[in-house]
C-alpha cells in the first residue's frame, strides 16, 4: 500500500500534479514538495505527493524497489487521483524519479500534459562510472561488492536499502531512448552548483526531448535544499510552467 498526501485548492478543480521523489530513503519528505504543494494549491492545482514502495510510510522491502515497480506506483497514484475526479495531470519528477516517469509516460502517453524534471538522473551508466562522490559512494565498485555479498546496498544519508533487482534494471533500462517520442512538454530545472548530478546533464538532455527547455537555478545544489532562495526559485519556475501547460 502506498502512502501519500493530497493537497487541494479551496475551489474545485480537475487539475493536479503528481509529485515523485528521488532515492531519499524518507520518501516525499526528502524533497521540497512540502513547500511546493501549498503554492500549487493557492494557484488552483491540486497535488499528490506520495512515497514510492519501501520508502517513507509506504509498505514494502528493499527487494520491492525497482524502476519498473516505481512506474507502477505512479500508475497507481494517477488512478487514485482519477478516482477523485482529477482529469488534467502534470508530474514533477525529482532526481531518480525521472527514469520511472519516462517509463510511465511511454506506457501511458495520454495521461500527463506536462512533466517537470528536477535535477534528473536519466543515464544510469554514468551513475556506475562517475567519479563524483555521491554516485561513487552509492553505486561504485565497493557498493556493488556489498550488494553481491549481502543482497543489498545502502544509498544516501538515510541508508535506503536497494537490492539486485533495482541495479539489474539500471543496467538495461535507458530512459533517454524514450525521449524523442515523449508525449508532453518537458521542463528541466537544475541548479548550476549541483554536486550530485551535474548541471550539464540537463543541458544535454533537452536536446533529446522535442518539446523541452531548461531553467537554471543559480547557485543551487542538488534538490534545492541549500538555501531558501534556491527552493523558492525552483518552486516558482515549476508553478509557472504547470499553470501554463495544464
C-alpha atoms as a PDB file:
ATOM      1  CA  UNK A   1       0.000   0.000   0.000  1.00  0.00           C
ATOM      2  CA  UNK A   2       1.262   3.461  -0.929  1.00  0.00           C
ATOM      3  CA  UNK A   3       1.033   6.422   1.416  1.00  0.00           C
ATOM      4  CA  UNK A   4       0.531   9.943   0.121  1.00  0.00           C
ATOM      5  CA  UNK A   5      -0.794  13.399   0.915  1.00  0.00           C
ATOM      6  CA  UNK A   6      -3.400  15.116  -1.235  1.00  0.00           C
ATOM      7  CA  UNK A   7      -3.276  18.918  -1.181  1.00  0.00           C
ATOM      8  CA  UNK A   8      -6.354  20.620  -2.647  1.00  0.00           C
ATOM      9  CA  UNK A   9      -7.203  24.182  -3.636  1.00  0.00           C
ATOM     10  CA  UNK A  10     -10.172  25.843  -1.967  1.00  0.00           C
ATOM     11  CA  UNK A  11     -12.105  25.957  -5.251  1.00  0.00           C
ATOM     12  CA  UNK A  12     -12.925  22.687  -7.080  1.00  0.00           C
ATOM     13  CA  UNK A  13     -10.521  21.765  -9.879  1.00  0.00           C
ATOM     14  CA  UNK A  14      -9.768  18.881 -12.207  1.00  0.00           C
ATOM     15  CA  UNK A  15      -6.071  19.843 -12.423  1.00  0.00           C
ATOM     16  CA  UNK A  16      -3.458  18.042 -10.375  1.00  0.00           C
ATOM     17  CA  UNK A  17       0.256  17.304 -10.174  1.00  0.00           C
ATOM     18  CA  UNK A  18       1.855  14.041  -9.096  1.00  0.00           C
ATOM     19  CA  UNK A  19       4.982  14.787  -7.056  1.00  0.00           C
ATOM     20  CA  UNK A  20       7.522  11.963  -7.401  1.00  0.00           C
ATOM     21  CA  UNK A  21      10.547  11.888  -5.084  1.00  0.00           C
ATOM     22  CA  UNK A  22      14.031  10.533  -5.673  1.00  0.00           C
ATOM     23  CA  UNK A  23      16.084   7.948  -3.764  1.00  0.00           C
ATOM     24  CA  UNK A  24      15.757   9.826  -0.495  1.00  0.00           C
ATOM     25  CA  UNK A  25      15.076   6.961   1.881  1.00  0.00           C
ATOM     26  CA  UNK A  26      12.467   9.113   3.610  1.00  0.00           C
ATOM     27  CA  UNK A  27      10.277   9.458   0.532  1.00  0.00           C
ATOM     28  CA  UNK A  28       8.184  12.548  -0.047  1.00  0.00           C
ATOM     29  CA  UNK A  29       9.698  14.284   2.994  1.00  0.00           C
ATOM     30  CA  UNK A  30      13.110  14.266   1.325  1.00  0.00           C
ATOM     31  CA  UNK A  31      12.165  16.847  -1.296  1.00  0.00           C
ATOM     32  CA  UNK A  32      10.874  20.420  -1.116  1.00  0.00           C
ATOM     33  CA  UNK A  33       7.415  19.138  -2.030  1.00  0.00           C
ATOM     34  CA  UNK A  34       6.006  20.301   1.310  1.00  0.00           C
ATOM     35  CA  UNK A  35       6.716  23.847   0.170  1.00  0.00           C
ATOM     36  CA  UNK A  36       5.602  23.265  -3.436  1.00  0.00           C
ATOM     37  CA  UNK A  37       2.206  21.702  -2.645  1.00  0.00           C
ATOM     38  CA  UNK A  38       0.565  24.696  -0.905  1.00  0.00           C
ATOM     39  CA  UNK A  39       1.795  27.050  -3.604  1.00  0.00           C
ATOM     40  CA  UNK A  40       0.254  24.866  -6.285  1.00  0.00           C
ATOM     41  CA  UNK A  41      -2.984  24.717  -4.274  1.00  0.00           C
ATOM     42  CA  UNK A  42      -3.048  28.505  -3.992  1.00  0.00           C
ATOM     43  CA  UNK A  43      -2.687  28.650  -7.781  1.00  0.00           C
ATOM     44  CA  UNK A  44      -5.618  26.262  -8.296  1.00  0.00           C
ATOM     45  CA  UNK A  45      -3.717  22.990  -8.868  1.00  0.00           C
ATOM     46  CA  UNK A  46      -4.146  20.012  -6.548  1.00  0.00           C
ATOM     47  CA  UNK A  47      -1.154  17.794  -5.855  1.00  0.00           C
ATOM     48  CA  UNK A  48      -0.487  14.287  -4.588  1.00  0.00           C
ATOM     49  CA  UNK A  49       2.901  13.712  -3.015  1.00  0.00           C
ATOM     50  CA  UNK A  50       3.391  10.053  -2.253  1.00  0.00           C
ATOM     51  CA  UNK A  51       6.048   7.640  -1.056  1.00  0.00           C
ATOM     52  CA  UNK A  52       7.260   5.058  -3.547  1.00  0.00           C
ATOM     53  CA  UNK A  53       7.181   1.471  -2.344  1.00  0.00           C
ATOM     54  CA  UNK A  54       9.558   0.770   0.568  1.00  0.00           C
ATOM     55  CA  UNK A  55      10.127   4.499   1.066  1.00  0.00           C
ATOM     56  CA  UNK A  56       8.814   6.699   3.847  1.00  0.00           C
ATOM     57  CA  UNK A  57       5.426   5.495   5.063  1.00  0.00           C
ATOM     58  CA  UNK A  58       4.642   3.159   2.150  1.00  0.00           C
ATOM     59  CA  UNK A  59       4.822  -0.591   2.517  1.00  0.00           C
ATOM     60  CA  UNK A  60       7.478  -2.835   1.023  1.00  0.00           C
ATOM     61  CA  UNK A  61      11.043  -4.062   1.422  1.00  0.00           C
ATOM     62  CA  UNK A  62      14.224  -3.280  -0.486  1.00  0.00           C
ATOM     63  CA  UNK A  63      13.553  -6.191  -2.849  1.00  0.00           C
ATOM     64  CA  UNK A  64      10.399  -4.360  -3.970  1.00  0.00           C
ATOM     65  CA  UNK A  65      12.332  -1.255  -5.100  1.00  0.00           C
ATOM     66  CA  UNK A  66      12.762  -1.349  -8.878  1.00  0.00           C
ATOM     67  CA  UNK A  67      12.437   1.209 -11.659  1.00  0.00           C
ATOM     68  CA  UNK A  68       9.521  -0.698 -13.177  1.00  0.00           C
ATOM     69  CA  UNK A  69       7.931  -1.013  -9.740  1.00  0.00           C
ATOM     70  CA  UNK A  70       8.109   2.739  -9.253  1.00  0.00           C
ATOM     71  CA  UNK A  71       6.499   3.147 -12.665  1.00  0.00           C
ATOM     72  CA  UNK A  72       3.612   1.034 -11.396  1.00  0.00           C
ATOM     73  CA  UNK A  73       3.449   3.208  -8.273  1.00  0.00           C
ATOM     74  CA  UNK A  74       2.997   6.269 -10.482  1.00  0.00           C
ATOM     75  CA  UNK A  75       0.227   4.458 -12.342  1.00  0.00           C
ATOM     76  CA  UNK A  76      -1.456   3.677  -9.011  1.00  0.00           C
ATOM     77  CA  UNK A  77      -1.142   7.316  -7.911  1.00  0.00           C
ATOM     78  CA  UNK A  78      -2.660   8.527 -11.190  1.00  0.00           C
ATOM     79  CA  UNK A  79      -5.510   6.037 -10.886  1.00  0.00           C
ATOM     80  CA  UNK A  80      -6.189   7.195  -7.330  1.00  0.00           C
ATOM     81  CA  UNK A  81      -6.354  10.804  -8.486  1.00  0.00           C
ATOM     82  CA  UNK A  82      -8.665   9.874 -11.354  1.00  0.00           C
ATOM     83  CA  UNK A  83     -10.947   8.232  -8.787  1.00  0.00           C
ATOM     84  CA  UNK A  84     -11.034  11.628  -7.065  1.00  0.00           C
ATOM     85  CA  UNK A  85     -12.223  13.211 -10.352  1.00  0.00           C
ATOM     86  CA  UNK A  86      -8.935  14.805 -11.393  1.00  0.00           C
ATOM     87  CA  UNK A  87      -8.509  14.700 -15.137  1.00  0.00           C
ATOM     88  CA  UNK A  88      -5.685  17.079 -16.172  1.00  0.00           C
ATOM     89  CA  UNK A  89      -2.306  15.864 -14.947  1.00  0.00           C
ATOM     90  CA  UNK A  90       1.171  17.230 -14.554  1.00  0.00           C
ATOM     91  CA  UNK A  91       4.141  15.445 -12.987  1.00  0.00           C
ATOM     92  CA  UNK A  92       7.138  16.701 -11.040  1.00  0.00           C
ATOM     93  CA  UNK A  93       9.964  14.142 -11.016  1.00  0.00           C
ATOM     94  CA  UNK A  94      12.925  14.676  -8.708  1.00  0.00           C
ATOM     95  CA  UNK A  95      16.319  13.103  -9.395  1.00  0.00           C
ATOM     96  CA  UNK A  96      15.986   9.289  -9.671  1.00  0.00           C
ATOM     97  CA  UNK A  97      12.224   9.537 -10.228  1.00  0.00           C
ATOM     98  CA  UNK A  98      12.929  10.779 -13.751  1.00  0.00           C
ATOM     99  CA  UNK A  99      13.501   7.285 -15.153  1.00  0.00           C
ATOM    100  CA  UNK A 100      10.301   5.737 -13.790  1.00  0.00           C
ATOM    101  CA  UNK A 101       8.382   8.789 -15.002  1.00  0.00           C
ATOM    102  CA  UNK A 102       9.777   8.272 -18.506  1.00  0.00           C
ATOM    103  CA  UNK A 103       8.644   4.632 -18.342  1.00  0.00           C
ATOM    104  CA  UNK A 104       5.216   5.782 -17.185  1.00  0.00           C
ATOM    105  CA  UNK A 105       4.920   8.328 -19.991  1.00  0.00           C
ATOM    106  CA  UNK A 106       5.907   5.756 -22.623  1.00  0.00           C
ATOM    107  CA  UNK A 107       3.216   3.327 -21.463  1.00  0.00           C
ATOM    108  CA  UNK A 108       0.586   5.960 -20.581  1.00  0.00           C
ATOM    109  CA  UNK A 109       1.096   8.658 -23.222  1.00  0.00           C
ATOM    110  CA  UNK A 110      -2.261  10.368 -22.810  1.00  0.00           C
ATOM    111  CA  UNK A 111      -2.193  10.949 -19.069  1.00  0.00           C
ATOM    112  CA  UNK A 112       0.105  13.900 -18.324  1.00  0.00           C
ATOM    113  CA  UNK A 113       0.209  17.147 -20.283  1.00  0.00           C
ATOM    114  CA  UNK A 114       3.407  18.426 -18.675  1.00  0.00           C
ATOM    115  CA  UNK A 115       6.408  16.997 -16.828  1.00  0.00           C
ATOM    116  CA  UNK A 116       8.928  18.904 -14.734  1.00  0.00           C
ATOM    117  CA  UNK A 117      12.278  17.197 -14.176  1.00  0.00           C
ATOM    118  CA  UNK A 118      14.207  18.420 -11.142  1.00  0.00           C
ATOM    119  CA  UNK A 119      17.950  17.646 -11.443  1.00  0.00           C
ATOM    120  CA  UNK A 120      17.104  14.344 -13.186  1.00  0.00           C
ATOM    121  CA  UNK A 121      19.039  11.091 -13.414  1.00  0.00           C
ATOM    122  CA  UNK A 122      18.434   9.692 -16.896  1.00  0.00           C
ATOM    123  CA  UNK A 123      21.730   7.947 -17.700  1.00  0.00           C
ATOM    124  CA  UNK A 124      22.381   5.007 -15.436  1.00  0.00           C
ATOM    125  CA  UNK A 125      25.711   4.030 -16.959  1.00  0.00           C
ATOM    126  CA  UNK A 126      27.015   7.390 -15.782  1.00  0.00           C
ATOM    127  CA  UNK A 127      25.862   6.569 -12.233  1.00  0.00           C
ATOM    128  CA  UNK A 128      28.025   3.431 -12.187  1.00  0.00           C
ATOM    129  CA  UNK A 129      31.040   5.078 -13.810  1.00  0.00           C
ATOM    130  CA  UNK A 130      31.083   8.569 -12.299  1.00  0.00           C
ATOM    131  CA  UNK A 131      33.937   9.669 -10.044  1.00  0.00           C
ATOM    132  CA  UNK A 132      31.756  12.198  -8.207  1.00  0.00           C
ATOM    133  CA  UNK A 133      31.303  11.485  -4.513  1.00  0.00           C
ATOM    134  CA  UNK A 134      27.579  10.577  -4.413  1.00  0.00           C
ATOM    135  CA  UNK A 135      27.432   8.121  -7.335  1.00  0.00           C
ATOM    136  CA  UNK A 136      30.844   6.625  -6.495  1.00  0.00           C
ATOM    137  CA  UNK A 137      29.884   6.101  -2.849  1.00  0.00           C
ATOM    138  CA  UNK A 138      26.445   4.650  -3.546  1.00  0.00           C
ATOM    139  CA  UNK A 139      26.900   2.820  -6.871  1.00  0.00           C
ATOM    140  CA  UNK A 140      30.655   2.391  -7.268  1.00  0.00           C
ATOM    141  CA  UNK A 141      32.653  -0.832  -7.083  1.00  0.00           C
ATOM    142  CA  UNK A 142      32.623  -1.026  -3.281  1.00  0.00           C
ATOM    143  CA  UNK A 143      28.847  -0.580  -3.130  1.00  0.00           C
ATOM    144  CA  UNK A 144      28.332  -3.210  -5.819  1.00  0.00           C
ATOM    145  CA  UNK A 145      30.595  -5.546  -3.874  1.00  0.00           C
ATOM    146  CA  UNK A 146      28.402  -5.129  -0.798  1.00  0.00           C
ATOM    147  CA  UNK A 147      25.355  -5.825  -2.945  1.00  0.00           C
ATOM    148  CA  UNK A 148      26.839  -9.117  -4.165  1.00  0.00           C
ATOM    149  CA  UNK A 149      27.888 -10.206  -0.670  1.00  0.00           C
ATOM    150  CA  UNK A 150      24.771  -9.345   1.319  1.00  0.00           C
ATOM    151  CA  UNK A 151      21.999  -8.979  -1.273  1.00  0.00           C
ATOM    152  CA  UNK A 152      21.566  -5.243  -0.793  1.00  0.00           C
ATOM    153  CA  UNK A 153      23.492  -1.999  -0.516  1.00  0.00           C
ATOM    154  CA  UNK A 154      22.606   1.224   1.245  1.00  0.00           C
ATOM    155  CA  UNK A 155      22.107   4.529  -0.563  1.00  0.00           C
ATOM    156  CA  UNK A 156      22.272   8.063   0.787  1.00  0.00           C
ATOM    157  CA  UNK A 157      22.453   9.524   4.264  1.00  0.00           C
ATOM    158  CA  UNK A 158      19.248   7.729   5.330  1.00  0.00           C
ATOM    159  CA  UNK A 159      20.717   4.353   4.302  1.00  0.00           C
ATOM    160  CA  UNK A 160      17.942   3.328   1.908  1.00  0.00           C
ATOM    161  CA  UNK A 161      18.416  -0.341   1.091  1.00  0.00           C
ATOM    162  CA  UNK A 162      18.228  -1.345  -2.575  1.00  0.00           C
ATOM    163  CA  UNK A 163      18.540  -4.868  -3.930  1.00  0.00           C
ATOM    164  CA  UNK A 164      19.805  -6.581  -7.048  1.00  0.00           C
ATOM    165  CA  UNK A 165      16.550  -6.025  -8.934  1.00  0.00           C
ATOM    166  CA  UNK A 166      16.966  -2.252  -8.900  1.00  0.00           C
ATOM    167  CA  UNK A 167      20.564  -2.460 -10.111  1.00  0.00           C
ATOM    168  CA  UNK A 168      19.691  -5.026 -12.778  1.00  0.00           C
ATOM    169  CA  UNK A 169      17.117  -2.673 -14.271  1.00  0.00           C
ATOM    170  CA  UNK A 170      19.604   0.198 -14.188  1.00  0.00           C
ATOM    171  CA  UNK A 171      21.804  -1.907 -16.468  1.00  0.00           C
ATOM    172  CA  UNK A 172      19.223  -2.325 -19.223  1.00  0.00           C
ATOM    173  CA  UNK A 173      16.640   0.463 -18.959  1.00  0.00           C
ATOM    174  CA  UNK A 174      17.657   3.574 -20.917  1.00  0.00           C
ATOM    175  CA  UNK A 175      15.148   6.381 -20.349  1.00  0.00           C
ATOM    176  CA  UNK A 176      16.653   8.657 -22.986  1.00  0.00           C
ATOM    177  CA  UNK A 177      15.614   6.149 -25.656  1.00  0.00           C
ATOM    178  CA  UNK A 178      12.008   7.189 -24.973  1.00  0.00           C
ATOM    179  CA  UNK A 179      12.668  10.920 -25.146  1.00  0.00           C
ATOM    180  CA  UNK A 180      12.199  11.551 -28.883  1.00  0.00           C
ATOM    181  CA  UNK A 181       8.598  10.392 -28.629  1.00  0.00           C
ATOM    182  CA  UNK A 182       7.959  11.962 -25.244  1.00  0.00           C
ATOM    183  CA  UNK A 183       4.245  12.806 -25.365  1.00  0.00           C
ATOM    184  CA  UNK A 184       4.177  16.042 -23.355  1.00  0.00           C
ATOM    185  CA  UNK A 185       6.021  19.276 -22.763  1.00  0.00           C
ATOM    186  CA  UNK A 186       9.050  18.864 -20.510  1.00  0.00           C
ATOM    187  CA  UNK A 187      10.778  21.390 -18.298  1.00  0.00           C
ATOM    188  CA  UNK A 188      14.178  20.735 -16.760  1.00  0.00           C
ATOM    189  CA  UNK A 189      15.029  22.629 -13.583  1.00  0.00           C
ATOM    190  CA  UNK A 190      18.612  22.249 -12.413  1.00  0.00           C
ATOM    191  CA  UNK A 191      20.994  24.043 -10.073  1.00  0.00           C
ATOM    192  CA  UNK A 192      24.301  25.112 -11.590  1.00  0.00           C
ATOM    193  CA  UNK A 193      26.150  24.085  -8.411  1.00  0.00           C
ATOM    194  CA  UNK A 194      24.729  20.548  -8.278  1.00  0.00           C
ATOM    195  CA  UNK A 195      27.484  18.333  -6.870  1.00  0.00           C
ATOM    196  CA  UNK A 196      25.455  15.118  -7.252  1.00  0.00           C
ATOM    197  CA  UNK A 197      24.080  15.295 -10.815  1.00  0.00           C
ATOM    198  CA  UNK A 198      25.949  17.967 -12.789  1.00  0.00           C
ATOM    199  CA  UNK A 199      24.007  20.783 -14.439  1.00  0.00           C
ATOM    200  CA  UNK A 200      25.404  19.920 -17.863  1.00  0.00           C
ATOM    201  CA  UNK A 201      23.395  16.684 -17.826  1.00  0.00           C
ATOM    202  CA  UNK A 202      20.168  18.655 -18.225  1.00  0.00           C
ATOM    203  CA  UNK A 203      21.826  20.853 -20.841  1.00  0.00           C
ATOM    204  CA  UNK A 204      22.400  17.666 -22.814  1.00  0.00           C
ATOM    205  CA  UNK A 205      19.029  16.071 -22.077  1.00  0.00           C
ATOM    206  CA  UNK A 206      16.953  18.873 -23.576  1.00  0.00           C
ATOM    207  CA  UNK A 207      18.433  18.037 -26.974  1.00  0.00           C
ATOM    208  CA  UNK A 208      16.707  14.645 -26.821  1.00  0.00           C
ATOM    209  CA  UNK A 209      13.228  15.914 -25.904  1.00  0.00           C
ATOM    210  CA  UNK A 210      11.351  17.528 -28.782  1.00  0.00           C
ATOM    211  CA  UNK A 211       9.363  19.994 -26.639  1.00  0.00           C
ATOM    212  CA  UNK A 212      11.573  20.981 -23.737  1.00  0.00           C
ATOM    213  CA  UNK A 213      13.576  23.736 -22.146  1.00  0.00           C
ATOM    214  CA  UNK A 214      15.984  24.177 -19.255  1.00  0.00           C
ATOM    215  CA  UNK A 215      15.655  26.635 -16.389  1.00  0.00           C
ATOM    216  CA  UNK A 216      18.803  27.080 -14.311  1.00  0.00           C
ATOM    217  CA  UNK A 217      18.643  27.902 -10.610  1.00  0.00           C
ATOM    218  CA  UNK A 218      21.789  29.930  -9.967  1.00  0.00           C
ATOM    219  CA  UNK A 219      23.874  28.725  -7.053  1.00  0.00           C
ATOM    220  CA  UNK A 220      21.621  25.757  -6.241  1.00  0.00           C
ATOM    221  CA  UNK A 221      22.825  22.306  -5.231  1.00  0.00           C
ATOM    222  CA  UNK A 222      21.002  19.007  -5.742  1.00  0.00           C
ATOM    223  CA  UNK A 223      17.376  19.070  -4.621  1.00  0.00           C
ATOM    224  CA  UNK A 224      17.337  22.844  -3.997  1.00  0.00           C
ATOM    225  CA  UNK A 225      17.802  22.292  -0.248  1.00  0.00           C
ATOM    226  CA  UNK A 226      20.863  24.501   0.025  1.00  0.00           C
ATOM    227  CA  UNK A 227      19.006  27.772   0.599  1.00  0.00           C
ATOM    228  CA  UNK A 228      15.542  29.260   0.806  1.00  0.00           C
ATOM    229  CA  UNK A 229      16.290  31.259  -2.326  1.00  0.00           C
ATOM    230  CA  UNK A 230      17.063  28.077  -4.272  1.00  0.00           C
ATOM    231  CA  UNK A 231      13.894  26.257  -3.234  1.00  0.00           C
ATOM    232  CA  UNK A 232      11.716  29.322  -3.803  1.00  0.00           C
ATOM    233  CA  UNK A 233      13.157  29.809  -7.288  1.00  0.00           C
ATOM    234  CA  UNK A 234      12.660  26.145  -8.256  1.00  0.00           C
ATOM    235  CA  UNK A 235       9.096  26.219  -6.943  1.00  0.00           C
ATOM    236  CA  UNK A 236       8.247  29.446  -8.767  1.00  0.00           C
ATOM    237  CA  UNK A 237       9.584  28.102 -12.079  1.00  0.00           C
ATOM    238  CA  UNK A 238       7.694  24.842 -11.635  1.00  0.00           C
ATOM    239  CA  UNK A 239       4.413  26.518 -10.691  1.00  0.00           C
ATOM    240  CA  UNK A 240       4.574  28.908 -13.647  1.00  0.00           C
ATOM    241  CA  UNK A 241       5.186  26.055 -16.095  1.00  0.00           C
ATOM    242  CA  UNK A 242       2.337  23.922 -14.737  1.00  0.00           C
ATOM    243  CA  UNK A 243      -0.043  26.868 -14.818  1.00  0.00           C
ATOM    244  CA  UNK A 244       0.923  27.463 -18.420  1.00  0.00           C
ATOM    245  CA  UNK A 245       0.523  23.848 -19.551  1.00  0.00           C
ATOM    246  CA  UNK A 246      -2.393  22.452 -17.528  1.00  0.00           C
END
